[in-house]
Amino acid sequence: MEEKLNEEIKKEVIKRTITMKGRPMVLVGEEVKVGMTAPDFKATGNDMLPMKFARSFAGKITVISSVPSLDTAVCDLQTRRFNKEAELLGPDVQVITISMDLPFAQARWCGAAGVKAVRTFSDYQKAEFGKAWGLLIKDLRLLARAVYIVDKDGIVKYAQLVPEVAQEPNYDEVLTALKALV
């Protein structure tokens, strides 16, 4: 009994964190690692329809780009960069961006930015993606900046959690990992 209580205390003490402009932020959920089966989740498309990840992207290599908000400079840069790269990829590779932005705001942003190769999804309703992938920033209810690559069999082949939200991911590393799969 005492051993179980000690384990629970350890879990509470050991929290995953990132920083936002140097300020520590606690992440909710377990860390998703390379080799794991990609956790399933439901998010909302720009058309307000639900999207279930495992069903919608089965049999495709999927790059998942997680951002706090498309209306911020770094998230804008990240999504535009992945859109540019996605235009060069074949039909077996899908690139999606997930944020807490409302679907209406995502659609507006995509239209203004000319983003057509990346599909955007909103986690605003229940934060299913954020919780399942361990990317929900507890105090802000935003998503941490991260990039994952999931293979055709639904296995996570690449994971990059950006430790400082205000910084861009390492695009070269993502693209090298992606090219190894394609």
N, C-alpha and C. Protein backbone atom coordinates (compact mmCIF):
# COMPACT_ATOMS: atom_id res chain seq x y z
N MET A 1 0.82 -1.19 0.00
CA MET A 1 0.00 0.00 0.00
C MET A 1 0.87 1.26 0.00
N GLU A 2 1.89 1.26 0.87
CA GLU A 2 2.78 2.41 0.98
C GLU A 2 3.57 2.61 -0.32
N GLU A 3 3.98 1.50 -0.95
CA GLU A 3 4.73 1.57 -2.20
C GLU A 3 3.89 2.20 -3.32
N LYS A 4 2.61 1.82 -3.36
CA LYS A 4 1.70 2.37 -4.36
C LYS A 4 1.53 3.88 -4.14
N LEU A 5 1.40 4.31 -2.90
CA LEU A 5 1.26 5.72 -2.58
C LEU A 5 2.51 6.49 -2.99
N ASN A 6 3.69 5.92 -2.73
CA ASN A 6 4.94 6.56 -3.14
C ASN A 6 5.02 6.73 -4.65
N GLU A 7 4.56 5.74 -5.42
CA GLU A 7 4.54 5.83 -6.88
C GLU A 7 3.64 6.96 -7.35
N GLU A 8 2.47 7.08 -6.71
CA GLU A 8 1.54 8.15 -7.07
C GLU A 8 2.13 9.52 -6.76
N ILE A 9 2.83 9.63 -5.65
CA ILE A 9 3.48 10.90 -5.28
C ILE A 9 4.56 11.23 -6.31
N LYS A 10 5.35 10.25 -6.74
CA LYS A 10 6.39 10.47 -7.74
C LYS A 10 5.78 10.99 -9.04
N LYS A 11 4.67 10.41 -9.46
CA LYS A 11 4.02 10.84 -10.69
C LYS A 11 3.59 12.30 -10.60
N GLU A 12 3.14 12.71 -9.42
CA GLU A 12 2.72 14.10 -9.24
C GLU A 12 3.92 15.04 -9.28
N VAL A 13 5.04 14.60 -8.71
CA VAL A 13 6.23 15.44 -8.63
C VAL A 13 6.91 15.55 -10.00
N ILE A 14 6.99 14.45 -10.73
CA ILE A 14 7.67 14.44 -12.03
C ILE A 14 6.67 14.87 -13.09
N LYS A 15 6.75 16.12 -13.47
CA LYS A 15 5.85 16.65 -14.48
C LYS A 15 6.67 17.05 -15.69
N ARG A 16 6.10 16.80 -16.84
CA ARG A 16 6.74 17.21 -18.08
C ARG A 16 6.50 18.69 -18.28
N THR A 17 7.54 19.40 -18.64
CA THR A 17 7.41 20.83 -18.85
C THR A 17 8.10 21.27 -20.13
N ILE A 18 7.64 22.42 -20.62
CA ILE A 18 8.30 23.16 -21.68
C ILE A 18 8.38 24.58 -21.15
N THR A 19 8.90 25.50 -21.95
CA THR A 19 8.88 26.90 -21.54
C THR A 19 8.19 27.74 -22.61
N MET A 20 7.62 28.83 -22.15
CA MET A 20 7.04 29.81 -23.05
C MET A 20 7.69 31.14 -22.68
N LYS A 21 8.59 31.59 -23.57
CA LYS A 21 9.38 32.80 -23.31
C LYS A 21 10.09 32.68 -21.96
N GLY A 22 10.63 31.48 -21.71
CA GLY A 22 11.41 31.22 -20.51
C GLY A 22 10.61 30.78 -19.29
N ARG A 23 9.30 30.92 -19.34
CA ARG A 23 8.45 30.56 -18.20
C ARG A 23 8.03 29.10 -18.29
N PRO A 24 8.29 28.29 -17.26
CA PRO A 24 7.92 26.87 -17.30
C PRO A 24 6.42 26.66 -17.41
N MET A 25 6.04 25.70 -18.25
CA MET A 25 4.65 25.33 -18.47
C MET A 25 4.52 23.82 -18.35
N VAL A 26 3.54 23.36 -17.58
CA VAL A 26 3.31 21.93 -17.36
C VAL A 26 2.46 21.36 -18.50
N LEU A 27 2.86 20.19 -18.99
CA LEU A 27 2.10 19.50 -20.03
C LEU A 27 1.24 18.41 -19.41
N VAL A 28 0.03 18.27 -19.94
CA VAL A 28 -0.91 17.25 -19.48
C VAL A 28 -0.83 16.06 -20.43
N GLY A 29 -0.81 14.86 -19.87
CA GLY A 29 -0.79 13.65 -20.68
C GLY A 29 0.59 13.01 -20.72
N GLU A 30 0.59 11.78 -21.19
CA GLU A 30 1.84 11.02 -21.28
C GLU A 30 2.59 11.36 -22.56
N GLU A 31 3.89 11.30 -22.50
CA GLU A 31 4.74 11.57 -23.65
C GLU A 31 4.58 10.48 -24.71
N VAL A 32 4.44 10.89 -25.96
CA VAL A 32 4.37 9.96 -27.08
C VAL A 32 5.79 9.81 -27.62
N LYS A 33 6.24 8.56 -27.72
CA LYS A 33 7.63 8.29 -28.13
C LYS A 33 7.68 7.49 -29.42
N VAL A 34 8.82 7.57 -30.06
CA VAL A 34 9.07 6.79 -31.27
C VAL A 34 8.90 5.31 -30.95
N GLY A 35 8.21 4.60 -31.85
CA GLY A 35 7.97 3.17 -31.68
C GLY A 35 6.59 2.85 -31.13
N MET A 36 5.93 3.84 -30.56
CA MET A 36 4.59 3.64 -30.01
C MET A 36 3.55 3.65 -31.13
N THR A 37 2.42 3.01 -30.89
CA THR A 37 1.28 3.16 -31.78
C THR A 37 0.75 4.57 -31.56
N ALA A 38 0.48 5.27 -32.65
CA ALA A 38 -0.02 6.64 -32.55
C ALA A 38 -1.35 6.65 -31.81
N PRO A 39 -1.46 7.44 -30.74
CA PRO A 39 -2.74 7.52 -30.02
C PRO A 39 -3.83 8.09 -30.94
N ASP A 40 -4.99 7.50 -30.87
CA ASP A 40 -6.11 7.99 -31.67
C ASP A 40 -6.72 9.20 -30.97
N PHE A 41 -7.37 10.03 -31.74
CA PHE A 41 -8.04 11.21 -31.19
C PHE A 41 -9.07 11.70 -32.19
N LYS A 42 -9.96 12.53 -31.70
CA LYS A 42 -10.95 13.18 -32.55
C LYS A 42 -10.68 14.68 -32.50
N ALA A 43 -10.71 15.34 -33.65
CA ALA A 43 -10.57 16.79 -33.74
C ALA A 43 -11.62 17.28 -34.73
N THR A 44 -11.72 18.59 -34.86
CA THR A 44 -12.74 19.19 -35.72
C THR A 44 -12.09 19.82 -36.94
N GLY A 45 -12.62 19.48 -38.12
CA GLY A 45 -12.11 20.05 -39.36
C GLY A 45 -12.65 21.45 -39.59
N ASN A 46 -12.09 22.15 -40.57
CA ASN A 46 -12.54 23.51 -40.90
C ASN A 46 -13.99 23.54 -41.35
N ASP A 47 -14.51 22.37 -41.75
CA ASP A 47 -15.91 22.25 -42.17
C ASP A 47 -16.83 21.93 -40.99
N MET A 48 -16.26 21.96 -39.77
CA MET A 48 -16.97 21.69 -38.52
C MET A 48 -17.34 20.20 -38.35
N LEU A 49 -16.83 19.35 -39.21
CA LEU A 49 -17.08 17.91 -39.10
C LEU A 49 -15.99 17.26 -38.26
N PRO A 50 -16.35 16.22 -37.51
CA PRO A 50 -15.34 15.53 -36.71
C PRO A 50 -14.40 14.71 -37.59
N MET A 51 -13.16 14.64 -37.17
CA MET A 51 -12.14 13.82 -37.85
C MET A 51 -11.57 12.88 -36.79
N LYS A 52 -11.60 11.58 -37.07
CA LYS A 52 -10.99 10.58 -36.19
C LYS A 52 -9.67 10.19 -36.84
N PHE A 53 -8.57 10.42 -36.16
CA PHE A 53 -7.25 10.26 -36.74
C PHE A 53 -7.01 8.88 -37.34
N ALA A 54 -7.23 7.82 -36.56
CA ALA A 54 -6.91 6.46 -37.02
C ALA A 54 -7.67 6.10 -38.29
N ARG A 55 -8.89 6.55 -38.40
CA ARG A 55 -9.71 6.23 -39.57
C ARG A 55 -9.34 7.12 -40.76
N SER A 56 -9.13 8.41 -40.51
CA SER A 56 -8.90 9.37 -41.59
C SER A 56 -7.52 9.25 -42.23
N PHE A 57 -6.52 8.78 -41.49
CA PHE A 57 -5.16 8.76 -42.01
C PHE A 57 -4.54 7.37 -42.06
N ALA A 58 -5.35 6.34 -41.96
CA ALA A 58 -4.86 4.96 -42.05
C ALA A 58 -4.24 4.74 -43.42
N GLY A 59 -3.09 4.08 -43.44
CA GLY A 59 -2.44 3.74 -44.69
C GLY A 59 -1.65 4.87 -45.32
N LYS A 60 -1.55 6.00 -44.63
CA LYS A 60 -0.79 7.15 -45.13
C LYS A 60 0.32 7.50 -44.14
N ILE A 61 1.41 8.00 -44.66
CA ILE A 61 2.42 8.59 -43.80
C ILE A 61 1.88 9.97 -43.44
N THR A 62 1.85 10.28 -42.15
CA THR A 62 1.26 11.54 -41.71
C THR A 62 2.25 12.33 -40.86
N VAL A 63 2.44 13.59 -41.25
CA VAL A 63 3.22 14.52 -40.45
C VAL A 63 2.21 15.31 -39.64
N ILE A 64 2.35 15.28 -38.33
CA ILE A 64 1.48 16.03 -37.43
C ILE A 64 2.28 17.19 -36.87
N SER A 65 1.82 18.39 -37.18
CA SER A 65 2.45 19.62 -36.69
C SER A 65 1.51 20.22 -35.66
N SER A 66 1.94 20.30 -34.42
CA SER A 66 1.14 20.85 -33.34
C SER A 66 1.63 22.26 -33.03
N VAL A 67 0.68 23.21 -32.99
CA VAL A 67 1.03 24.61 -32.72
C VAL A 67 0.03 25.21 -31.73
N PRO A 68 0.45 26.21 -30.96
CA PRO A 68 -0.49 26.87 -30.04
C PRO A 68 -1.60 27.63 -30.76
N SER A 69 -1.24 28.49 -31.73
CA SER A 69 -2.25 29.28 -32.44
C SER A 69 -1.69 29.76 -33.78
N LEU A 70 -2.46 29.54 -34.84
CA LEU A 70 -2.02 29.96 -36.17
C LEU A 70 -1.85 31.47 -36.28
N ASP A 71 -2.49 32.21 -35.40
CA ASP A 71 -2.42 33.68 -35.43
C ASP A 71 -1.22 34.24 -34.70
N THR A 72 -0.20 33.43 -34.47
CA THR A 72 1.04 33.92 -33.87
C THR A 72 2.17 33.72 -34.88
N ALA A 73 3.20 34.52 -34.75
CA ALA A 73 4.27 34.56 -35.76
C ALA A 73 4.95 33.22 -35.99
N VAL A 74 5.35 32.53 -34.94
CA VAL A 74 6.09 31.27 -35.11
C VAL A 74 5.18 30.17 -35.65
N CYS A 75 3.95 30.11 -35.19
CA CYS A 75 3.00 29.11 -35.70
C CYS A 75 2.70 29.36 -37.17
N ASP A 76 2.59 30.63 -37.55
CA ASP A 76 2.39 31.03 -38.93
C ASP A 76 3.56 30.54 -39.78
N LEU A 77 4.77 30.82 -39.34
CA LEU A 77 5.98 30.38 -40.07
C LEU A 77 6.03 28.86 -40.20
N GLN A 78 5.77 28.17 -39.11
CA GLN A 78 5.83 26.71 -39.10
C GLN A 78 4.83 26.11 -40.08
N THR A 79 3.61 26.59 -40.05
CA THR A 79 2.57 26.02 -40.92
C THR A 79 2.82 26.37 -42.38
N ARG A 80 3.27 27.57 -42.65
CA ARG A 80 3.62 27.94 -44.03
C ARG A 80 4.78 27.09 -44.54
N ARG A 81 5.76 26.84 -43.69
CA ARG A 81 6.92 26.02 -44.11
C ARG A 81 6.47 24.60 -44.43
N PHE A 82 5.64 24.01 -43.56
CA PHE A 82 5.17 22.65 -43.84
C PHE A 82 4.24 22.61 -45.05
N ASN A 83 3.52 23.68 -45.30
CA ASN A 83 2.68 23.75 -46.51
C ASN A 83 3.57 23.71 -47.76
N LYS A 84 4.65 24.47 -47.73
CA LYS A 84 5.60 24.49 -48.85
C LYS A 84 6.19 23.10 -49.09
N GLU A 85 6.57 22.44 -48.01
CA GLU A 85 7.15 21.09 -48.12
C GLU A 85 6.09 20.10 -48.58
N ALA A 86 4.86 20.23 -48.07
CA ALA A 86 3.78 19.30 -48.42
C ALA A 86 3.45 19.34 -49.90
N GLU A 87 3.61 20.49 -50.52
CA GLU A 87 3.34 20.62 -51.95
C GLU A 87 4.27 19.74 -52.79
N LEU A 88 5.43 19.41 -52.23
CA LEU A 88 6.43 18.61 -52.94
C LEU A 88 6.31 17.10 -52.67
N LEU A 89 5.49 16.74 -51.71
CA LEU A 89 5.36 15.33 -51.32
C LEU A 89 4.31 14.64 -52.16
N GLY A 90 4.42 13.34 -52.25
CA GLY A 90 3.46 12.56 -53.03
C GLY A 90 2.15 12.36 -52.29
N PRO A 91 1.21 11.69 -52.93
CA PRO A 91 -0.12 11.49 -52.35
C PRO A 91 -0.15 10.56 -51.14
N ASP A 92 0.93 9.83 -50.90
CA ASP A 92 0.96 8.93 -49.74
C ASP A 92 1.37 9.63 -48.45
N VAL A 93 1.69 10.91 -48.54
CA VAL A 93 2.09 11.67 -47.34
C VAL A 93 1.09 12.79 -47.11
N GLN A 94 0.55 12.85 -45.91
CA GLN A 94 -0.37 13.90 -45.51
C GLN A 94 0.30 14.75 -44.44
N VAL A 95 0.07 16.05 -44.48
CA VAL A 95 0.59 16.94 -43.45
C VAL A 95 -0.61 17.63 -42.82
N ILE A 96 -0.70 17.52 -41.50
CA ILE A 96 -1.79 18.18 -40.79
C ILE A 96 -1.22 19.07 -39.70
N THR A 97 -1.93 20.15 -39.44
CA THR A 97 -1.59 21.05 -38.34
C THR A 97 -2.77 21.06 -37.39
N ILE A 98 -2.47 20.94 -36.11
CA ILE A 98 -3.51 20.93 -35.09
C ILE A 98 -3.23 22.06 -34.10
N SER A 99 -4.28 22.82 -33.79
CA SER A 99 -4.17 23.89 -32.79
C SER A 99 -5.49 23.97 -32.03
N MET A 100 -5.54 24.86 -31.07
CA MET A 100 -6.78 25.11 -30.33
C MET A 100 -7.62 26.19 -30.99
N ASP A 101 -7.14 26.76 -32.08
CA ASP A 101 -7.92 27.78 -32.78
C ASP A 101 -9.26 27.20 -33.20
N LEU A 102 -10.28 28.04 -33.23
CA LEU A 102 -11.58 27.61 -33.71
C LEU A 102 -11.49 27.27 -35.20
N PRO A 103 -12.26 26.31 -35.66
CA PRO A 103 -12.22 25.94 -37.09
C PRO A 103 -12.44 27.13 -38.02
N PHE A 104 -13.29 28.08 -37.63
CA PHE A 104 -13.54 29.26 -38.46
C PHE A 104 -12.26 30.09 -38.61
N ALA A 105 -11.53 30.24 -37.50
CA ALA A 105 -10.29 31.01 -37.52
C ALA A 105 -9.24 30.28 -38.36
N GLN A 106 -9.18 28.96 -38.26
CA GLN A 106 -8.23 28.19 -39.07
C GLN A 106 -8.53 28.36 -40.55
N ALA A 107 -9.79 28.27 -40.93
CA ALA A 107 -10.18 28.41 -42.33
C ALA A 107 -9.83 29.81 -42.84
N ARG A 108 -10.11 30.83 -42.02
CA ARG A 108 -9.77 32.20 -42.39
C ARG A 108 -8.27 32.34 -42.59
N TRP A 109 -7.48 31.81 -41.63
CA TRP A 109 -6.03 31.92 -41.71
C TRP A 109 -5.50 31.20 -42.95
N CYS A 110 -5.97 29.98 -43.21
CA CYS A 110 -5.52 29.22 -44.38
C CYS A 110 -5.81 30.00 -45.67
N GLY A 111 -6.99 30.59 -45.77
CA GLY A 111 -7.35 31.36 -46.95
C GLY A 111 -6.43 32.56 -47.13
N ALA A 112 -6.18 33.29 -46.06
CA ALA A 112 -5.33 34.48 -46.12
C ALA A 112 -3.88 34.11 -46.41
N ALA A 113 -3.42 32.96 -45.89
CA ALA A 113 -2.03 32.54 -46.07
C ALA A 113 -1.81 31.72 -47.34
N GLY A 114 -2.88 31.35 -48.02
CA GLY A 114 -2.75 30.54 -49.23
C GLY A 114 -2.33 29.11 -48.93
N VAL A 115 -2.64 28.63 -47.73
CA VAL A 115 -2.27 27.27 -47.33
C VAL A 115 -3.31 26.29 -47.84
N LYS A 116 -2.88 25.40 -48.75
CA LYS A 116 -3.80 24.42 -49.34
C LYS A 116 -3.31 22.99 -49.21
N ALA A 117 -2.01 22.80 -49.03
CA ALA A 117 -1.45 21.45 -48.97
C ALA A 117 -1.48 20.86 -47.56
N VAL A 118 -1.58 21.71 -46.55
CA VAL A 118 -1.67 21.27 -45.16
C VAL A 118 -3.14 21.37 -44.75
N ARG A 119 -3.62 20.32 -44.10
CA ARG A 119 -4.99 20.35 -43.56
C ARG A 119 -4.91 20.75 -42.09
N THR A 120 -5.79 21.66 -41.68
CA THR A 120 -5.78 22.09 -40.29
C THR A 120 -6.98 21.50 -39.55
N PHE A 121 -6.74 21.18 -38.29
CA PHE A 121 -7.78 20.62 -37.43
C PHE A 121 -7.72 21.33 -36.08
N SER A 122 -8.89 21.45 -35.46
CA SER A 122 -9.00 22.13 -34.18
C SER A 122 -9.24 21.12 -33.05
N ASP A 123 -8.54 21.34 -31.96
CA ASP A 123 -8.66 20.50 -30.76
C ASP A 123 -9.46 21.24 -29.68
N TYR A 124 -10.20 22.27 -30.09
CA TYR A 124 -10.84 23.18 -29.13
C TYR A 124 -11.92 22.53 -28.26
N GLN A 125 -12.60 21.51 -28.75
CA GLN A 125 -13.74 20.99 -27.99
C GLN A 125 -13.34 20.27 -26.71
N LYS A 126 -12.60 19.18 -26.85
CA LYS A 126 -12.28 18.37 -25.67
C LYS A 126 -10.78 18.19 -25.44
N ALA A 127 -9.97 18.83 -26.27
CA ALA A 127 -8.51 18.70 -26.16
C ALA A 127 -8.07 17.24 -26.22
N GLU A 128 -8.78 16.43 -27.01
CA GLU A 128 -8.44 15.00 -27.11
C GLU A 128 -7.03 14.78 -27.63
N PHE A 129 -6.65 15.51 -28.66
CA PHE A 129 -5.30 15.38 -29.20
C PHE A 129 -4.27 15.78 -28.14
N GLY A 130 -4.46 16.95 -27.57
CA GLY A 130 -3.50 17.46 -26.58
C GLY A 130 -3.28 16.50 -25.42
N LYS A 131 -4.35 15.93 -24.92
CA LYS A 131 -4.25 14.99 -23.80
C LYS A 131 -3.64 13.66 -24.24
N ALA A 132 -4.10 13.13 -25.38
CA ALA A 132 -3.63 11.83 -25.85
C ALA A 132 -2.15 11.85 -26.24
N TRP A 133 -1.69 12.98 -26.74
CA TRP A 133 -0.30 13.08 -27.19
C TRP A 133 0.60 13.79 -26.17
N GLY A 134 0.05 14.15 -25.01
CA GLY A 134 0.85 14.78 -23.95
C GLY A 134 1.30 16.18 -24.31
N LEU A 135 0.49 16.93 -25.06
CA LEU A 135 0.89 18.25 -25.54
C LEU A 135 0.00 19.39 -25.04
N LEU A 136 -0.93 19.10 -24.16
CA LEU A 136 -1.81 20.14 -23.66
C LEU A 136 -1.09 20.94 -22.57
N ILE A 137 -0.95 22.25 -22.80
CA ILE A 137 -0.33 23.12 -21.80
C ILE A 137 -1.40 23.41 -20.75
N LYS A 138 -1.18 22.88 -19.57
CA LYS A 138 -2.19 22.88 -18.51
C LYS A 138 -2.79 24.26 -18.23
N ASP A 139 -1.99 25.23 -17.92
CA ASP A 139 -2.50 26.52 -17.47
C ASP A 139 -3.08 27.38 -18.59
N LEU A 140 -2.71 27.13 -19.83
CA LEU A 140 -3.16 27.97 -20.94
C LEU A 140 -4.21 27.31 -21.82
N ARG A 141 -4.36 26.00 -21.69
CA ARG A 141 -5.24 25.20 -22.57
C ARG A 141 -4.92 25.46 -24.04
N LEU A 142 -3.62 25.48 -24.31
CA LEU A 142 -3.10 25.56 -25.68
C LEU A 142 -2.26 24.32 -25.91
N LEU A 143 -1.89 24.07 -27.16
CA LEU A 143 -1.03 22.94 -27.48
C LEU A 143 0.42 23.38 -27.53
N ALA A 144 1.30 22.48 -27.09
CA ALA A 144 2.73 22.73 -27.20
C ALA A 144 3.15 22.59 -28.66
N ARG A 145 4.28 23.16 -29.00
CA ARG A 145 4.82 23.04 -30.36
C ARG A 145 5.55 21.71 -30.48
N ALA A 146 5.12 20.91 -31.45
CA ALA A 146 5.73 19.59 -31.65
C ALA A 146 5.50 19.13 -33.07
N VAL A 147 6.31 18.17 -33.50
CA VAL A 147 6.14 17.56 -34.82
C VAL A 147 6.34 16.06 -34.66
N TYR A 148 5.42 15.30 -35.26
CA TYR A 148 5.50 13.85 -35.25
C TYR A 148 5.34 13.34 -36.67
N ILE A 149 5.92 12.18 -36.92
CA ILE A 149 5.68 11.47 -38.18
C ILE A 149 5.16 10.09 -37.81
N VAL A 150 4.00 9.76 -38.39
CA VAL A 150 3.36 8.47 -38.17
C VAL A 150 3.40 7.72 -39.49
N ASP A 151 3.85 6.45 -39.46
CA ASP A 151 3.96 5.69 -40.71
C ASP A 151 2.61 5.11 -41.14
N LYS A 152 2.62 4.40 -42.26
CA LYS A 152 1.39 3.84 -42.84
C LYS A 152 0.70 2.84 -41.91
N ASP A 153 1.48 2.25 -40.99
CA ASP A 153 0.93 1.27 -40.06
C ASP A 153 0.48 1.89 -38.73
N GLY A 154 0.56 3.22 -38.64
CA GLY A 154 0.13 3.90 -37.41
C GLY A 154 1.15 3.91 -36.30
N ILE A 155 2.43 3.72 -36.65
CA ILE A 155 3.50 3.73 -35.66
C ILE A 155 4.23 5.07 -35.72
N VAL A 156 4.50 5.65 -34.55
CA VAL A 156 5.23 6.91 -34.49
C VAL A 156 6.70 6.62 -34.84
N LYS A 157 7.17 7.26 -35.90
CA LYS A 157 8.54 7.06 -36.38
C LYS A 157 9.46 8.23 -36.06
N TYR A 158 8.87 9.37 -35.69
CA TYR A 158 9.66 10.56 -35.38
C TYR A 158 8.87 11.40 -34.39
N ALA A 159 9.57 11.98 -33.42
CA ALA A 159 8.93 12.84 -32.43
C ALA A 159 9.87 13.98 -32.07
N GLN A 160 9.34 15.20 -32.12
CA GLN A 160 10.11 16.37 -31.73
C GLN A 160 9.20 17.31 -30.93
N LEU A 161 9.44 17.38 -29.64
CA LEU A 161 8.76 18.34 -28.79
C LEU A 161 9.71 19.53 -28.67
N VAL A 162 9.27 20.69 -29.13
CA VAL A 162 10.12 21.88 -29.08
C VAL A 162 10.10 22.40 -27.64
N PRO A 163 11.27 22.46 -26.98
CA PRO A 163 11.30 22.81 -25.56
C PRO A 163 10.88 24.23 -25.23
N GLU A 164 11.04 25.16 -26.18
CA GLU A 164 10.63 26.56 -25.99
C GLU A 164 9.58 26.88 -27.04
N VAL A 165 8.37 27.16 -26.60
CA VAL A 165 7.24 27.38 -27.50
C VAL A 165 7.51 28.49 -28.52
N ALA A 166 8.29 29.49 -28.14
CA ALA A 166 8.54 30.63 -29.03
C ALA A 166 9.57 30.32 -30.12
N GLN A 167 10.07 29.09 -30.18
CA GLN A 167 11.06 28.71 -31.20
C GLN A 167 10.44 27.77 -32.22
N GLU A 168 10.99 27.79 -33.44
CA GLU A 168 10.53 26.91 -34.50
C GLU A 168 11.13 25.51 -34.31
N PRO A 169 10.48 24.50 -34.87
CA PRO A 169 11.06 23.16 -34.81
C PRO A 169 12.27 23.07 -35.73
N ASN A 170 13.01 21.98 -35.61
CA ASN A 170 14.14 21.72 -36.49
C ASN A 170 13.59 21.06 -37.76
N TYR A 171 13.33 21.88 -38.78
CA TYR A 171 12.72 21.40 -40.02
C TYR A 171 13.60 20.38 -40.74
N ASP A 172 14.91 20.63 -40.76
CA ASP A 172 15.82 19.72 -41.47
C ASP A 172 15.74 18.32 -40.88
N GLU A 173 15.67 18.23 -39.57
CA GLU A 173 15.58 16.93 -38.89
C GLU A 173 14.27 16.22 -39.27
N VAL A 174 13.17 16.97 -39.29
CA VAL A 174 11.87 16.40 -39.64
C VAL A 174 11.91 15.88 -41.07
N LEU A 175 12.42 16.69 -41.99
CA LEU A 175 12.44 16.32 -43.42
C LEU A 175 13.36 15.14 -43.68
N THR A 176 14.47 15.06 -42.97
CA THR A 176 15.37 13.91 -43.11
C THR A 176 14.66 12.64 -42.66
N ALA A 177 13.97 12.69 -41.53
CA ALA A 177 13.23 11.52 -41.02
C ALA A 177 12.11 11.14 -42.00
N LEU A 178 11.46 12.14 -42.57
CA LEU A 178 10.37 11.88 -43.51
C LEU A 178 10.89 11.22 -44.79
N LYS A 179 11.99 11.73 -45.31
CA LYS A 179 12.56 11.18 -46.55
C LYS A 179 12.99 9.73 -46.36
N ALA A 180 13.40 9.36 -45.14
CA ALA A 180 13.79 7.98 -44.87
C ALA A 180 12.60 7.03 -44.95
N LEU A 181 11.38 7.56 -44.77
CA LEU A 181 10.18 6.73 -44.81
C LEU A 181 9.54 6.65 -46.19
N VAL A 182 9.75 7.69 -47.00
CA VAL A 182 9.05 7.77 -48.29
C VAL A 182 9.74 6.96 -49.36
